[in-house]
Amino acid sequence: MNFNEIIKANKEHVKNIIRLVSGQENEDLEQEVYLKVWKNSDKYKERGNLKSWIGTIAKNVSKDYLKSAVKKHEQLLAEDDNTFDVIKDKKETPELKLIKNDRQERIIKAINRLKPKFREVIMYCEVYGYTYEEAAKRLKCPVGTVKSRIYNAKKELANQLDDLL
């Protein structure tokens, strides 16, 4: 069987695996799968099923893609934090800067006074920008618990910072 026939015979199978694992269709991943199949064709032992072997490669390529996407997302979040530190408002007067710093300091202190479980969920969802689902995974608790903690934490922060609101 030549390589073009292998691609034709497994095209839908590979597409389905990529869609299932990554949640989207991705032609770049398909190409990467076939490239790996071609590069490693000498390692394939005819003891197993060729379709299963190609499916395993597709699954692994998709998982690697997801891992790298998460890392890129985390790097972008870190870069965004650094960008805000670098950007300066040219219209900012010393008085405005003092007010802003005081306000930020009060907010940080208020967050630090929260119960640990409330502080944790505020940091994940409001500071780092995680979704409730992502925060729930990191905290190993149900999404409903995250929502409840967010609600209670915001209520407590509103009480502590009512003069800023």
N, C-alpha and C. Protein backbone atom coordinates (compact mmCIF):
# COMPACT_ATOMS: atom_id res chain seq x y z
N MET A 1 0.86 -1.19 0.00
CA MET A 1 0.00 0.00 0.00
C MET A 1 0.90 1.25 0.00
N ASN A 2 0.63 2.17 -0.90
CA ASN A 2 1.45 3.37 -0.94
C ASN A 2 0.90 4.43 0.03
N PHE A 3 1.67 5.48 0.22
CA PHE A 3 1.34 6.48 1.24
C PHE A 3 0.05 7.23 0.93
N ASN A 4 -0.22 7.54 -0.34
CA ASN A 4 -1.48 8.21 -0.71
C ASN A 4 -2.69 7.36 -0.35
N GLU A 5 -2.58 6.05 -0.54
CA GLU A 5 -3.67 5.15 -0.19
C GLU A 5 -3.87 5.10 1.33
N ILE A 6 -2.77 5.15 2.07
CA ILE A 6 -2.86 5.16 3.54
C ILE A 6 -3.61 6.41 4.00
N ILE A 7 -3.28 7.55 3.41
CA ILE A 7 -3.95 8.81 3.78
C ILE A 7 -5.44 8.72 3.45
N LYS A 8 -5.77 8.28 2.23
CA LYS A 8 -7.18 8.17 1.84
C LYS A 8 -7.95 7.22 2.75
N ALA A 9 -7.35 6.10 3.10
CA ALA A 9 -8.02 5.09 3.91
C ALA A 9 -8.24 5.54 5.36
N ASN A 10 -7.41 6.46 5.84
CA ASN A 10 -7.47 6.85 7.25
C ASN A 10 -7.87 8.30 7.50
N LYS A 11 -8.18 9.02 6.43
CA LYS A 11 -8.46 10.46 6.53
C LYS A 11 -9.57 10.77 7.53
N GLU A 12 -10.71 10.13 7.40
CA GLU A 12 -11.85 10.41 8.28
C GLU A 12 -11.56 9.96 9.71
N HIS A 13 -10.89 8.84 9.84
CA HIS A 13 -10.53 8.32 11.17
C HIS A 13 -9.63 9.33 11.90
N VAL A 14 -8.63 9.85 11.22
CA VAL A 14 -7.71 10.82 11.81
C VAL A 14 -8.45 12.11 12.15
N LYS A 15 -9.28 12.59 11.22
CA LYS A 15 -10.06 13.81 11.46
C LYS A 15 -10.93 13.67 12.71
N ASN A 16 -11.59 12.52 12.83
CA ASN A 16 -12.48 12.28 13.97
C ASN A 16 -11.72 12.27 15.29
N ILE A 17 -10.57 11.64 15.31
CA ILE A 17 -9.77 11.59 16.54
C ILE A 17 -9.33 13.00 16.92
N ILE A 18 -8.83 13.76 15.97
CA ILE A 18 -8.38 15.13 16.25
C ILE A 18 -9.55 15.97 16.76
N ARG A 19 -10.69 15.84 16.12
CA ARG A 19 -11.88 16.61 16.55
C ARG A 19 -12.30 16.20 17.95
N LEU A 20 -12.24 14.91 18.24
CA LEU A 20 -12.65 14.40 19.55
C LEU A 20 -11.71 14.89 20.66
N VAL A 21 -10.41 14.81 20.41
CA VAL A 21 -9.43 15.18 21.44
C VAL A 21 -9.29 16.69 21.58
N SER A 22 -9.19 17.42 20.46
CA SER A 22 -8.92 18.85 20.54
C SER A 22 -10.18 19.71 20.51
N GLY A 23 -11.29 19.11 20.13
CA GLY A 23 -12.54 19.87 20.09
C GLY A 23 -12.71 20.70 18.84
N GLN A 24 -11.85 20.52 17.87
CA GLN A 24 -11.94 21.30 16.64
C GLN A 24 -11.29 20.54 15.49
N GLU A 25 -11.65 20.95 14.28
CA GLU A 25 -10.97 20.39 13.12
C GLU A 25 -9.68 21.18 12.92
N ASN A 26 -8.61 20.49 12.57
CA ASN A 26 -7.33 21.16 12.46
C ASN A 26 -6.49 20.46 11.40
N GLU A 27 -6.40 21.09 10.23
CA GLU A 27 -5.65 20.49 9.12
C GLU A 27 -4.16 20.41 9.41
N ASP A 28 -3.64 21.36 10.19
CA ASP A 28 -2.23 21.32 10.54
C ASP A 28 -1.90 20.07 11.35
N LEU A 29 -2.80 19.72 12.26
CA LEU A 29 -2.58 18.51 13.05
C LEU A 29 -2.67 17.26 12.17
N GLU A 30 -3.60 17.27 11.22
CA GLU A 30 -3.71 16.14 10.29
C GLU A 30 -2.40 15.96 9.54
N GLN A 31 -1.87 17.06 9.05
CA GLN A 31 -0.60 16.99 8.31
C GLN A 31 0.52 16.47 9.20
N GLU A 32 0.53 16.92 10.45
CA GLU A 32 1.56 16.46 11.38
C GLU A 32 1.44 14.95 11.62
N VAL A 33 0.21 14.47 11.72
CA VAL A 33 -0.01 13.03 11.91
C VAL A 33 0.58 12.26 10.73
N TYR A 34 0.25 12.68 9.51
CA TYR A 34 0.73 11.95 8.33
C TYR A 34 2.24 12.06 8.19
N LEU A 35 2.79 13.19 8.59
CA LEU A 35 4.24 13.35 8.55
C LEU A 35 4.91 12.37 9.52
N LYS A 36 4.34 12.23 10.71
CA LYS A 36 4.88 11.28 11.69
C LYS A 36 4.70 9.84 11.20
N VAL A 37 3.57 9.54 10.58
CA VAL A 37 3.36 8.20 10.04
C VAL A 37 4.43 7.91 8.99
N TRP A 38 4.67 8.88 8.12
CA TRP A 38 5.67 8.70 7.06
C TRP A 38 7.07 8.53 7.64
N LYS A 39 7.43 9.41 8.60
CA LYS A 39 8.77 9.35 9.19
C LYS A 39 9.00 8.06 9.97
N ASN A 40 7.95 7.55 10.59
CA ASN A 40 8.10 6.37 11.45
C ASN A 40 7.58 5.09 10.81
N SER A 41 7.32 5.12 9.52
CA SER A 41 6.76 3.94 8.85
C SER A 41 7.67 2.72 8.98
N ASP A 42 8.98 2.96 9.08
CA ASP A 42 9.90 1.83 9.22
C ASP A 42 9.79 1.18 10.60
N LYS A 43 9.23 1.90 11.58
CA LYS A 43 9.08 1.37 12.94
C LYS A 43 7.78 0.59 13.12
N TYR A 44 6.87 0.74 12.17
CA TYR A 44 5.59 0.03 12.28
C TYR A 44 5.82 -1.46 12.07
N LYS A 45 5.34 -2.23 13.02
CA LYS A 45 5.43 -3.69 12.91
C LYS A 45 4.06 -4.19 12.48
N GLU A 46 4.03 -5.05 11.53
CA GLU A 46 2.76 -5.52 10.98
C GLU A 46 2.03 -6.48 11.90
N ARG A 47 2.44 -6.52 13.17
CA ARG A 47 1.74 -7.36 14.13
C ARG A 47 0.38 -6.77 14.49
N GLY A 48 0.32 -5.46 14.52
CA GLY A 48 -0.92 -4.79 14.90
C GLY A 48 -1.67 -4.25 13.70
N ASN A 49 -2.73 -3.55 13.99
CA ASN A 49 -3.57 -2.96 12.97
C ASN A 49 -3.01 -1.59 12.59
N LEU A 50 -2.82 -1.34 11.31
CA LEU A 50 -2.27 -0.07 10.83
C LEU A 50 -3.18 1.10 11.23
N LYS A 51 -4.47 0.90 11.13
CA LYS A 51 -5.43 1.96 11.49
C LYS A 51 -5.29 2.33 12.97
N SER A 52 -5.12 1.36 13.84
CA SER A 52 -4.93 1.61 15.27
C SER A 52 -3.63 2.37 15.52
N TRP A 53 -2.58 1.99 14.83
CA TRP A 53 -1.29 2.65 14.99
C TRP A 53 -1.40 4.11 14.58
N ILE A 54 -2.03 4.37 13.46
CA ILE A 54 -2.22 5.75 12.98
C ILE A 54 -3.13 6.51 13.96
N GLY A 55 -4.15 5.84 14.48
CA GLY A 55 -5.04 6.47 15.46
C GLY A 55 -4.30 6.88 16.72
N THR A 56 -3.38 6.04 17.17
CA THR A 56 -2.56 6.37 18.35
C THR A 56 -1.70 7.60 18.08
N ILE A 57 -1.13 7.65 16.91
CA ILE A 57 -0.32 8.82 16.54
C ILE A 57 -1.20 10.08 16.53
N ALA A 58 -2.39 9.98 15.95
CA ALA A 58 -3.31 11.13 15.90
C ALA A 58 -3.69 11.58 17.30
N LYS A 59 -3.96 10.63 18.18
CA LYS A 59 -4.32 10.96 19.57
C LYS A 59 -3.16 11.67 20.27
N ASN A 60 -1.95 11.15 20.11
CA ASN A 60 -0.79 11.75 20.76
C ASN A 60 -0.47 13.14 20.22
N VAL A 61 -0.59 13.32 18.91
CA VAL A 61 -0.35 14.63 18.30
C VAL A 61 -1.37 15.64 18.84
N SER A 62 -2.62 15.23 18.95
CA SER A 62 -3.68 16.11 19.45
C SER A 62 -3.45 16.48 20.91
N LYS A 63 -3.05 15.51 21.72
CA LYS A 63 -2.77 15.79 23.13
C LYS A 63 -1.59 16.76 23.27
N ASP A 64 -0.55 16.54 22.49
CA ASP A 64 0.61 17.44 22.52
C ASP A 64 0.20 18.86 22.14
N TYR A 65 -0.68 18.96 21.15
CA TYR A 65 -1.17 20.27 20.72
C TYR A 65 -1.90 20.98 21.86
N LEU A 66 -2.75 20.23 22.56
CA LEU A 66 -3.50 20.82 23.68
C LEU A 66 -2.56 21.27 24.79
N LYS A 67 -1.56 20.45 25.10
CA LYS A 67 -0.59 20.82 26.14
C LYS A 67 0.14 22.10 25.75
N SER A 68 0.57 22.21 24.51
CA SER A 68 1.30 23.41 24.09
C SER A 68 0.37 24.62 24.05
N ALA A 69 -0.91 24.42 23.73
CA ALA A 69 -1.86 25.54 23.72
C ALA A 69 -2.06 26.08 25.13
N VAL A 70 -2.13 25.19 26.12
CA VAL A 70 -2.28 25.63 27.50
C VAL A 70 -1.05 26.43 27.94
N LYS A 71 0.13 25.92 27.60
CA LYS A 71 1.37 26.63 27.97
C LYS A 71 1.42 28.01 27.32
N LYS A 72 1.05 28.09 26.04
CA LYS A 72 1.05 29.38 25.35
C LYS A 72 0.08 30.34 26.01
N HIS A 73 -1.09 29.83 26.42
CA HIS A 73 -2.09 30.67 27.08
C HIS A 73 -1.55 31.21 28.40
N GLU A 74 -0.89 30.35 29.18
CA GLU A 74 -0.32 30.79 30.45
C GLU A 74 0.79 31.80 30.23
N GLN A 75 1.60 31.62 29.18
CA GLN A 75 2.65 32.58 28.87
C GLN A 75 2.06 33.93 28.48
N LEU A 76 0.98 33.90 27.69
CA LEU A 76 0.33 35.15 27.29
C LEU A 76 -0.22 35.89 28.50
N LEU A 77 -0.79 35.15 29.45
CA LEU A 77 -1.29 35.79 30.67
C LEU A 77 -0.15 36.46 31.42
N ALA A 78 0.99 35.78 31.51
CA ALA A 78 2.14 36.36 32.20
C ALA A 78 2.67 37.58 31.45
N GLU A 79 2.71 37.50 30.12
CA GLU A 79 3.16 38.63 29.31
C GLU A 79 2.21 39.81 29.44
N ASP A 80 0.90 39.54 29.51
CA ASP A 80 -0.08 40.62 29.68
C ASP A 80 0.15 41.34 30.99
N ASP A 81 0.45 40.59 32.05
CA ASP A 81 0.72 41.20 33.35
C ASP A 81 1.94 42.11 33.25
N ASN A 82 2.98 41.64 32.56
CA ASN A 82 4.19 42.45 32.40
C ASN A 82 3.94 43.67 31.54
N THR A 83 3.08 43.55 30.54
CA THR A 83 2.78 44.66 29.65
C THR A 83 2.14 45.80 30.42
N PHE A 84 1.22 45.47 31.33
CA PHE A 84 0.58 46.52 32.11
C PHE A 84 1.58 47.25 33.00
N ASP A 85 2.61 46.55 33.45
CA ASP A 85 3.62 47.20 34.27
C ASP A 85 4.46 48.17 33.44
N VAL A 86 4.67 47.85 32.15
CA VAL A 86 5.52 48.66 31.30
C VAL A 86 4.80 49.91 30.78
N ILE A 87 3.50 49.77 30.48
CA ILE A 87 2.74 50.88 29.91
C ILE A 87 2.49 51.93 30.99
N LYS A 88 2.78 53.18 30.66
CA LYS A 88 2.56 54.26 31.62
C LYS A 88 1.67 55.32 30.98
N ASP A 89 0.76 55.83 31.79
CA ASP A 89 -0.13 56.89 31.34
C ASP A 89 0.60 58.22 31.45
N LYS A 90 0.77 58.91 30.31
CA LYS A 90 1.51 60.17 30.30
C LYS A 90 0.74 61.30 30.99
N LYS A 91 -0.57 61.14 31.12
CA LYS A 91 -1.39 62.17 31.74
C LYS A 91 -1.48 61.99 33.25
N GLU A 92 -0.89 60.93 33.77
CA GLU A 92 -1.01 60.63 35.19
C GLU A 92 -0.18 61.60 36.03
N THR A 93 -0.87 62.31 36.89
CA THR A 93 -0.20 63.27 37.78
C THR A 93 0.24 62.54 39.04
N PRO A 94 1.11 63.14 39.81
CA PRO A 94 1.52 62.51 41.07
C PRO A 94 0.33 62.24 42.00
N GLU A 95 -0.65 63.14 42.00
CA GLU A 95 -1.82 62.96 42.85
C GLU A 95 -2.63 61.74 42.40
N LEU A 96 -2.86 61.65 41.08
CA LEU A 96 -3.61 60.50 40.56
C LEU A 96 -2.86 59.20 40.82
N LYS A 97 -1.56 59.24 40.69
CA LYS A 97 -0.75 58.05 40.93
C LYS A 97 -0.87 57.62 42.39
N LEU A 98 -0.85 58.57 43.31
CA LEU A 98 -0.97 58.27 44.73
C LEU A 98 -2.34 57.67 45.04
N ILE A 99 -3.38 58.25 44.46
CA ILE A 99 -4.75 57.74 44.66
C ILE A 99 -4.87 56.32 44.11
N LYS A 100 -4.33 56.14 42.91
CA LYS A 100 -4.38 54.82 42.27
C LYS A 100 -3.64 53.78 43.10
N ASN A 101 -2.44 54.13 43.57
CA ASN A 101 -1.64 53.20 44.37
C ASN A 101 -2.35 52.87 45.69
N ASP A 102 -2.95 53.90 46.30
CA ASP A 102 -3.68 53.68 47.55
C ASP A 102 -4.86 52.74 47.31
N ARG A 103 -5.56 52.98 46.23
CA ARG A 103 -6.72 52.15 45.88
C ARG A 103 -6.30 50.70 45.65
N GLN A 104 -5.24 50.51 44.87
CA GLN A 104 -4.75 49.16 44.59
C GLN A 104 -4.30 48.47 45.87
N GLU A 105 -3.62 49.21 46.72
CA GLU A 105 -3.14 48.66 47.98
C GLU A 105 -4.31 48.21 48.87
N ARG A 106 -5.36 49.02 48.91
CA ARG A 106 -6.54 48.68 49.71
C ARG A 106 -7.23 47.43 49.17
N ILE A 107 -7.31 47.32 47.83
CA ILE A 107 -7.94 46.15 47.22
C ILE A 107 -7.13 44.90 47.52
N ILE A 108 -5.82 45.00 47.39
CA ILE A 108 -4.94 43.85 47.67
C ILE A 108 -5.07 43.43 49.13
N LYS A 109 -5.08 44.40 50.03
CA LYS A 109 -5.23 44.07 51.46
C LYS A 109 -6.58 43.42 51.73
N ALA A 110 -7.62 43.92 51.07
CA ALA A 110 -8.95 43.35 51.26
C ALA A 110 -8.99 41.90 50.76
N ILE A 111 -8.38 41.65 49.62
CA ILE A 111 -8.31 40.28 49.09
C ILE A 111 -7.53 39.39 50.05
N ASN A 112 -6.43 39.92 50.59
CA ASN A 112 -5.62 39.12 51.51
C ASN A 112 -6.33 38.83 52.83
N ARG A 113 -7.31 39.65 53.19
CA ARG A 113 -8.08 39.42 54.42
C ARG A 113 -9.19 38.38 54.23
N LEU A 114 -9.48 38.02 52.98
CA LEU A 114 -10.51 37.02 52.72
C LEU A 114 -10.09 35.66 53.28
N LYS A 115 -11.08 34.82 53.55
CA LYS A 115 -10.79 33.44 53.93
C LYS A 115 -9.99 32.81 52.78
N PRO A 116 -9.08 31.89 53.09
CA PRO A 116 -8.24 31.30 52.04
C PRO A 116 -9.03 30.73 50.85
N LYS A 117 -10.15 30.05 51.11
CA LYS A 117 -10.89 29.46 50.00
C LYS A 117 -11.52 30.54 49.11
N PHE A 118 -11.90 31.69 49.70
CA PHE A 118 -12.45 32.80 48.91
C PHE A 118 -11.33 33.51 48.14
N ARG A 119 -10.20 33.74 48.81
CA ARG A 119 -9.07 34.41 48.17
C ARG A 119 -8.59 33.61 46.97
N GLU A 120 -8.52 32.30 47.14
CA GLU A 120 -8.05 31.41 46.08
C GLU A 120 -8.92 31.53 44.83
N VAL A 121 -10.23 31.49 45.02
CA VAL A 121 -11.14 31.51 43.88
C VAL A 121 -11.17 32.90 43.23
N ILE A 122 -11.03 33.95 44.03
CA ILE A 122 -10.96 35.32 43.46
C ILE A 122 -9.70 35.46 42.62
N MET A 123 -8.61 34.94 43.11
CA MET A 123 -7.35 35.04 42.36
C MET A 123 -7.46 34.31 41.02
N TYR A 124 -7.99 33.09 41.05
CA TYR A 124 -8.10 32.32 39.81
C TYR A 124 -9.05 32.98 38.81
N CYS A 125 -10.23 33.34 39.27
CA CYS A 125 -11.27 33.80 38.33
C CYS A 125 -11.16 35.28 37.98
N GLU A 126 -10.87 36.11 38.96
CA GLU A 126 -10.89 37.56 38.71
C GLU A 126 -9.52 38.13 38.37
N VAL A 127 -8.47 37.57 38.93
CA VAL A 127 -7.13 38.10 38.68
C VAL A 127 -6.48 37.39 37.50
N TYR A 128 -6.49 36.04 37.52
CA TYR A 128 -5.84 35.28 36.45
C TYR A 128 -6.75 35.04 35.24
N GLY A 129 -8.06 35.26 35.40
CA GLY A 129 -8.98 35.15 34.28
C GLY A 129 -9.42 33.74 33.92
N TYR A 130 -9.29 32.79 34.84
CA TYR A 130 -9.76 31.44 34.56
C TYR A 130 -11.29 31.40 34.52
N THR A 131 -11.82 30.49 33.75
CA THR A 131 -13.26 30.26 33.77
C THR A 131 -13.59 29.51 35.05
N TYR A 132 -14.87 29.47 35.39
CA TYR A 132 -15.28 28.72 36.59
C TYR A 132 -14.87 27.25 36.46
N GLU A 133 -15.00 26.70 35.26
CA GLU A 133 -14.66 25.30 35.03
C GLU A 133 -13.16 25.06 35.25
N GLU A 134 -12.33 25.97 34.73
CA GLU A 134 -10.88 25.83 34.90
C GLU A 134 -10.50 25.94 36.37
N ALA A 135 -11.11 26.90 37.06
CA ALA A 135 -10.84 27.07 38.50
C ALA A 135 -11.27 25.83 39.27
N ALA A 136 -12.42 25.27 38.91
CA ALA A 136 -12.92 24.08 39.60
C ALA A 136 -11.94 22.91 39.42
N LYS A 137 -11.39 22.76 38.23
CA LYS A 137 -10.41 21.70 38.00
C LYS A 137 -9.18 21.91 38.87
N ARG A 138 -8.68 23.14 38.90
CA ARG A 138 -7.48 23.43 39.68
C ARG A 138 -7.72 23.25 41.18
N LEU A 139 -8.92 23.61 41.62
CA LEU A 139 -9.24 23.53 43.04
C LEU A 139 -9.80 22.16 43.44
N LYS A 140 -10.06 21.33 42.43
CA LYS A 140 -10.62 19.99 42.64
C LYS A 140 -11.92 20.05 43.44
N CYS A 141 -12.83 20.89 42.93
CA CYS A 141 -14.14 21.01 43.55
C CYS A 141 -15.18 21.24 42.45
N PRO A 142 -16.47 21.10 42.75
CA PRO A 142 -17.50 21.32 41.73
C PRO A 142 -17.59 22.78 41.28
N VAL A 143 -18.08 23.00 40.08
CA VAL A 143 -18.23 24.34 39.52
C VAL A 143 -19.18 25.17 40.41
N GLY A 144 -20.21 24.53 40.93
CA GLY A 144 -21.16 25.23 41.80
C GLY A 144 -20.48 25.79 43.04
N THR A 145 -19.51 25.06 43.56
CA THR A 145 -18.75 25.54 44.73
C THR A 145 -17.95 26.77 44.36
N VAL A 146 -17.34 26.77 43.19
CA VAL A 146 -16.58 27.93 42.73
C VAL A 146 -17.50 29.14 42.61
N LYS A 147 -18.66 28.95 42.01
CA LYS A 147 -19.62 30.05 41.85
C LYS A 147 -20.06 30.60 43.20
N SER A 148 -20.33 29.72 44.13
CA SER A 148 -20.76 30.12 45.47
C SER A 148 -19.65 30.90 46.17
N ARG A 149 -18.43 30.42 46.07
CA ARG A 149 -17.30 31.11 46.71
C ARG A 149 -17.06 32.47 46.08
N ILE A 150 -17.18 32.56 44.77
CA ILE A 150 -17.02 33.85 44.09
C ILE A 150 -18.06 34.83 44.61
N TYR A 151 -19.30 34.39 44.67
CA TYR A 151 -20.39 35.25 45.14
C TYR A 151 -20.10 35.76 46.55
N ASN A 152 -19.75 34.84 47.45
CA ASN A 152 -19.49 35.22 48.83
C ASN A 152 -18.24 36.11 48.97
N ALA A 153 -17.23 35.81 48.19
CA ALA A 153 -16.01 36.62 48.23
C ALA A 153 -16.28 38.04 47.75
N LYS A 154 -17.04 38.17 46.66
CA LYS A 154 -17.36 39.51 46.14
C LYS A 154 -18.23 40.29 47.13
N LYS A 155 -19.13 39.58 47.79
CA LYS A 155 -19.99 40.22 48.79
C LYS A 155 -19.13 40.75 49.94
N GLU A 156 -18.19 39.94 50.38
CA GLU A 156 -17.30 40.35 51.47
C GLU A 156 -16.40 41.51 51.04
N LEU A 157 -15.88 41.45 49.81
CA LEU A 157 -15.04 42.55 49.30
C LEU A 157 -15.85 43.84 49.18
N ALA A 158 -17.08 43.73 48.74
CA ALA A 158 -17.94 44.91 48.61
C ALA A 158 -18.15 45.55 49.98
N ASN A 159 -18.31 44.74 51.02
CA ASN A 159 -18.47 45.28 52.37
C ASN A 159 -17.20 45.98 52.84
N GLN A 160 -16.06 45.37 52.54
CA GLN A 160 -14.77 45.94 52.97
C GLN A 160 -14.43 47.22 52.21
N LEU A 161 -14.83 47.29 50.95
CA LEU A 161 -14.43 48.40 50.08
C LEU A 161 -15.60 49.28 49.67
N ASP A 162 -16.65 49.35 50.51
CA ASP A 162 -17.85 50.07 50.10
C ASP A 162 -17.59 51.54 49.80
N ASP A 163 -16.60 52.15 50.43
CA ASP A 163 -16.31 53.56 50.15
C ASP A 163 -15.62 53.74 48.79
N LEU A 164 -14.98 52.69 48.26
CA LEU A 164 -14.34 52.79 46.94
C LEU A 164 -15.37 52.60 45.82
N LEU A 165 -16.46 51.90 46.13
CA LEU A 165 -17.48 51.63 45.12
C LEU A 165 -18.32 52.85 44.99
